[in-house]
Amino acid sequence: MPVPQRLIVAITGATGAIYGVRLLQVLRGAPGVETHLLISPAGVMNLQHELEIGRAEVEALADVVHNVRDIGATIASGSFRAHAMVVTPCSMRTLAAIAHGLADNLITRAADVTLKERRKLVLMVRETPLNLAHLRNMTAVTEMGGIVFPPVPGFYQKPRSLAEMVDHTVGRVLDLVDLPQIGATLAPGWGGLHGDGNATPDTERGYT
């Protein structure tokens, strides 16, 4: 029996809990995909404040749920064949712990394992403005092979609602973790300004 594509999803204490929830909703029941969920205590607070939902409702969307304090969980070992990990949203505290290899809870340990095994780690960091510590931590994670993906909306798709903006970002993340077949309808590829895949160069329009 083939091993499913196991995706670890962590929700931490930055604003933007909707991104993690929507990612789980899209992946729920997707063939060949197995989700492993982690929610930090601050992440639970944000779910309640921003979305008015509780831990149990979100955990029901995942295939497997882990306690952030359970360092002995399967996903704490590189021998567990996880495909990728997404921290969505990713707090600056979680970013810093990953950047410095602290592995002080199961979220940061699983991220450390993802990096050491050369698997894809996507951090949807959410903070603004950024101070120098934030920027240096992002650089460190990038140098280790992680992908820093702030959930910045793409207005070129002309979203008509907040839901469409969230879906577009989630679709781009699914592309990054090699699940384009799931994210294609959420974030359709750019077809060029003329809809034929060939945008007119800026220089031909008189500006750069």
Protein backbone atom coordinates (compact mmCIF):
# COMPACT_ATOMS: atom_id res chain seq x y z
CA MET A 1 0.00 0.00 0.00
CA PRO A 2 1.54 3.37 -1.00
CA VAL A 3 2.52 5.81 1.73
CA PRO A 4 0.26 8.89 1.65
CA GLN A 5 1.69 12.37 1.24
CA ARG A 6 1.84 13.39 4.88
CA LEU A 7 1.58 17.11 5.45
CA ILE A 8 2.26 18.54 8.90
CA VAL A 9 0.18 21.66 9.59
CA ALA A 10 0.93 23.86 12.60
CA ILE A 11 -1.20 26.79 13.74
CA THR A 12 0.62 29.21 16.04
CA GLY A 13 -0.17 32.50 17.77
CA ALA A 14 0.11 35.03 14.96
CA THR A 15 -2.95 36.64 13.46
CA GLY A 16 -4.29 34.84 10.40
CA ALA A 17 -5.69 31.62 11.89
CA ILE A 18 -8.02 31.46 8.89
CA TYR A 19 -5.12 30.35 6.70
CA GLY A 20 -4.47 27.22 8.74
CA VAL A 21 -8.14 26.36 9.00
CA ARG A 22 -8.76 26.86 5.30
CA LEU A 23 -5.74 24.73 4.40
CA LEU A 24 -7.14 21.90 6.51
CA GLN A 25 -10.59 22.32 4.97
CA VAL A 26 -9.20 22.06 1.46
CA LEU A 27 -7.11 18.99 2.32
CA ARG A 28 -9.90 17.24 4.21
CA GLY A 29 -10.63 14.05 2.33
CA ALA A 30 -8.14 14.77 -0.45
CA PRO A 31 -7.04 11.43 -1.91
CA GLY A 32 -3.52 10.38 -1.04
CA VAL A 33 -2.99 13.13 1.56
CA GLU A 34 -2.73 12.67 5.33
CA THR A 35 -2.69 15.77 7.54
CA HIS A 36 -0.97 15.94 10.92
CA LEU A 37 -2.10 18.90 13.01
CA LEU A 38 -0.46 20.88 15.80
CA ILE A 39 -1.99 23.92 17.51
CA SER A 40 -0.04 26.00 20.00
CA PRO A 41 -1.81 27.47 23.07
CA ALA A 42 -1.64 30.94 21.51
CA GLY A 43 -2.97 29.45 18.29
CA VAL A 44 -6.03 28.20 20.17
CA MET A 45 -6.58 31.72 21.52
CA ASN A 46 -6.47 33.19 18.04
CA LEU A 47 -8.90 30.60 16.68
CA GLN A 48 -11.36 31.59 19.36
CA HIS A 49 -10.82 35.34 18.94
CA GLU A 50 -10.59 35.64 15.15
CA LEU A 51 -12.89 32.84 13.99
CA GLU A 52 -14.96 32.12 17.10
CA ILE A 53 -14.25 28.40 16.86
CA GLY A 54 -12.66 26.01 19.33
CA ARG A 55 -9.82 23.53 19.22
CA ALA A 56 -12.08 20.50 18.74
CA GLU A 57 -13.72 21.92 15.62
CA VAL A 58 -10.36 22.51 13.97
CA GLU A 59 -8.87 19.20 15.09
CA ALA A 60 -11.80 17.41 13.45
CA LEU A 61 -10.48 18.61 10.08
CA ALA A 62 -7.18 16.72 10.44
CA ASP A 63 -6.38 13.05 9.99
CA VAL A 64 -4.00 12.96 12.96
CA VAL A 65 -3.71 15.42 15.87
CA HIS A 66 -0.59 15.82 18.03
CA ASN A 67 -0.06 17.57 21.35
CA VAL A 68 2.57 20.30 21.07
CA ARG A 69 4.22 19.00 24.25
CA ASP A 70 4.55 15.42 22.98
CA ILE A 71 8.17 15.35 21.90
CA GLY A 72 7.90 11.57 21.57
CA ALA A 73 5.34 11.80 18.74
CA THR A 74 5.97 10.20 15.35
CA ILE A 75 6.59 13.51 13.60
CA ALA A 76 9.49 14.25 15.97
CA SER A 77 11.62 11.74 14.08
CA GLY A 78 13.13 11.97 10.63
CA SER A 79 12.32 8.30 10.12
CA PHE A 80 8.65 9.26 9.90
CA ARG A 81 8.09 9.92 6.22
CA ALA A 82 6.37 13.28 6.21
CA HIS A 83 6.23 15.03 2.85
CA ALA A 84 6.32 18.65 4.01
CA MET A 85 5.36 21.02 6.83
CA VAL A 86 3.45 24.29 6.81
CA VAL A 87 3.29 26.65 9.80
CA THR A 88 0.23 28.77 9.17
CA PRO A 89 0.24 31.35 10.55
CA CYS A 90 3.77 31.44 11.93
CA SER A 91 4.43 33.70 14.91
CA MET A 92 7.72 35.54 15.31
CA ARG A 93 8.37 33.45 18.41
CA THR A 94 8.02 30.22 16.40
CA LEU A 95 10.14 31.65 13.59
CA ALA A 96 12.89 32.54 16.06
CA ALA A 97 12.86 29.10 17.67
CA ILE A 98 13.12 27.40 14.27
CA ALA A 99 15.85 29.78 13.09
CA HIS A 100 17.95 28.98 16.16
CA GLY A 101 17.24 25.24 16.24
CA LEU A 102 15.68 25.28 19.70
CA ALA A 103 13.23 22.40 19.11
CA ASP A 104 11.58 23.30 22.41
CA ASN A 105 8.16 21.88 21.55
CA LEU A 106 6.74 19.52 18.95
CA ILE A 107 6.09 22.31 16.44
CA THR A 108 9.67 23.54 16.43
CA ARG A 109 11.03 19.99 16.69
CA ALA A 110 8.98 18.86 13.67
CA ALA A 111 10.20 21.93 11.76
CA ASP A 112 13.80 21.12 12.73
CA VAL A 113 13.32 17.56 11.48
CA THR A 114 11.81 18.84 8.24
CA LEU A 115 14.87 21.00 7.63
CA LYS A 116 17.44 18.36 8.55
CA GLU A 117 15.77 15.81 6.28
CA ARG A 118 15.79 18.35 3.44
CA ARG A 119 12.02 18.37 3.16
CA LYS A 120 9.89 21.39 2.40
CA LEU A 121 9.13 23.74 5.27
CA VAL A 122 6.82 26.69 4.57
CA LEU A 123 6.48 29.39 7.21
CA MET A 124 3.56 31.76 6.72
CA VAL A 125 5.07 34.45 8.90
CA ARG A 126 2.69 37.19 9.99
CA GLU A 127 3.96 40.42 11.48
CA THR A 128 4.33 44.03 10.40
CA PRO A 129 6.41 46.09 10.50
CA LEU A 130 9.44 43.82 10.76
CA ASN A 131 12.39 44.53 13.03
CA LEU A 132 15.95 43.41 12.38
CA ALA A 133 15.60 40.26 14.51
CA HIS A 134 12.63 39.16 12.41
CA LEU A 135 14.51 39.75 9.16
CA ARG A 136 17.62 37.95 10.35
CA ASN A 137 15.58 34.97 11.50
CA MET A 138 13.88 34.81 8.10
CA THR A 139 17.29 34.89 6.44
CA ALA A 140 18.54 32.08 8.68
CA VAL A 141 15.55 29.87 7.88
CA THR A 142 15.93 30.58 4.17
CA GLU A 143 19.62 29.68 4.30
CA MET A 144 18.66 26.37 5.93
CA GLY A 145 16.31 25.57 3.06
CA GLY A 146 13.00 26.77 4.47
CA ILE A 147 10.52 28.90 2.54
CA VAL A 148 9.34 32.14 4.11
CA PHE A 149 5.86 32.83 2.75
CA PRO A 150 4.12 35.88 4.25
CA PRO A 151 0.40 35.65 3.42
CA VAL A 152 0.39 38.71 1.18
CA PRO A 153 -2.74 38.90 -1.00
CA GLY A 154 -2.39 38.98 -4.77
CA PHE A 155 -4.64 41.73 -6.06
CA TYR A 156 -3.83 40.94 -9.69
CA GLN A 157 -6.42 38.17 -9.47
CA LYS A 158 -9.02 40.83 -8.59
CA PRO A 159 -10.45 39.05 -5.53
CA ARG A 160 -14.06 39.87 -4.78
CA SER A 161 -14.04 38.78 -1.16
CA LEU A 162 -11.84 37.98 1.80
CA ALA A 163 -12.51 34.29 1.17
CA GLU A 164 -11.09 34.54 -2.36
CA MET A 165 -7.99 36.29 -1.04
CA VAL A 166 -7.44 33.53 1.52
CA ASP A 167 -8.05 30.80 -1.06
CA HIS A 168 -5.52 32.29 -3.46
CA THR A 169 -2.83 32.27 -0.76
CA VAL A 170 -3.69 28.73 0.32
CA GLY A 171 -3.55 27.59 -3.29
CA ARG A 172 -0.07 29.05 -3.70
CA VAL A 173 1.07 27.21 -0.58
CA LEU A 174 -0.29 23.94 -1.97
CA ASP A 175 1.79 24.55 -5.10
CA LEU A 176 4.89 24.98 -2.95
CA VAL A 177 4.37 21.67 -1.16
CA ASP A 178 3.86 19.82 -4.44
CA LEU A 179 0.08 19.47 -4.25
CA PRO A 180 -0.83 21.60 -7.29
CA GLN A 181 -3.73 19.35 -8.24
CA ILE A 182 -5.51 20.40 -5.05
CA GLY A 183 -4.66 24.09 -5.17
CA ALA A 184 -5.26 24.67 -8.90
CA THR A 185 -8.84 25.86 -8.51
CA LEU A 186 -7.90 28.13 -5.60
CA ALA A 187 -4.99 29.86 -7.31
CA PRO A 188 -5.25 29.52 -11.09
CA GLY A 189 -2.03 30.19 -12.94
CA TRP A 190 -1.31 33.65 -14.31
CA GLY A 191 -2.39 33.77 -17.94
CA GLY A 192 -0.84 37.11 -18.81
CA LEU A 193 -2.52 40.48 -19.07
CA HIS A 194 -4.09 39.47 -22.36
CA GLY A 195 -5.19 36.03 -21.20
CA ASP A 196 -2.85 34.21 -23.59
CA GLY A 197 0.13 33.69 -21.31
CA ASN A 198 2.09 36.46 -23.03
CA ALA A 199 1.94 39.76 -21.16
CA THR A 200 3.12 42.86 -22.96
CA PRO A 201 6.56 43.87 -21.59
CA ASP A 202 6.44 46.95 -19.40
CA THR A 203 8.96 48.72 -21.61
CA GLU A 204 6.58 48.50 -24.57
CA ARG A 205 3.90 50.26 -22.55
CA GLY A 206 6.25 53.11 -21.76
CA TYR A 207 7.05 52.42 -18.09
CA THR A 208 9.40 50.25 -16.06
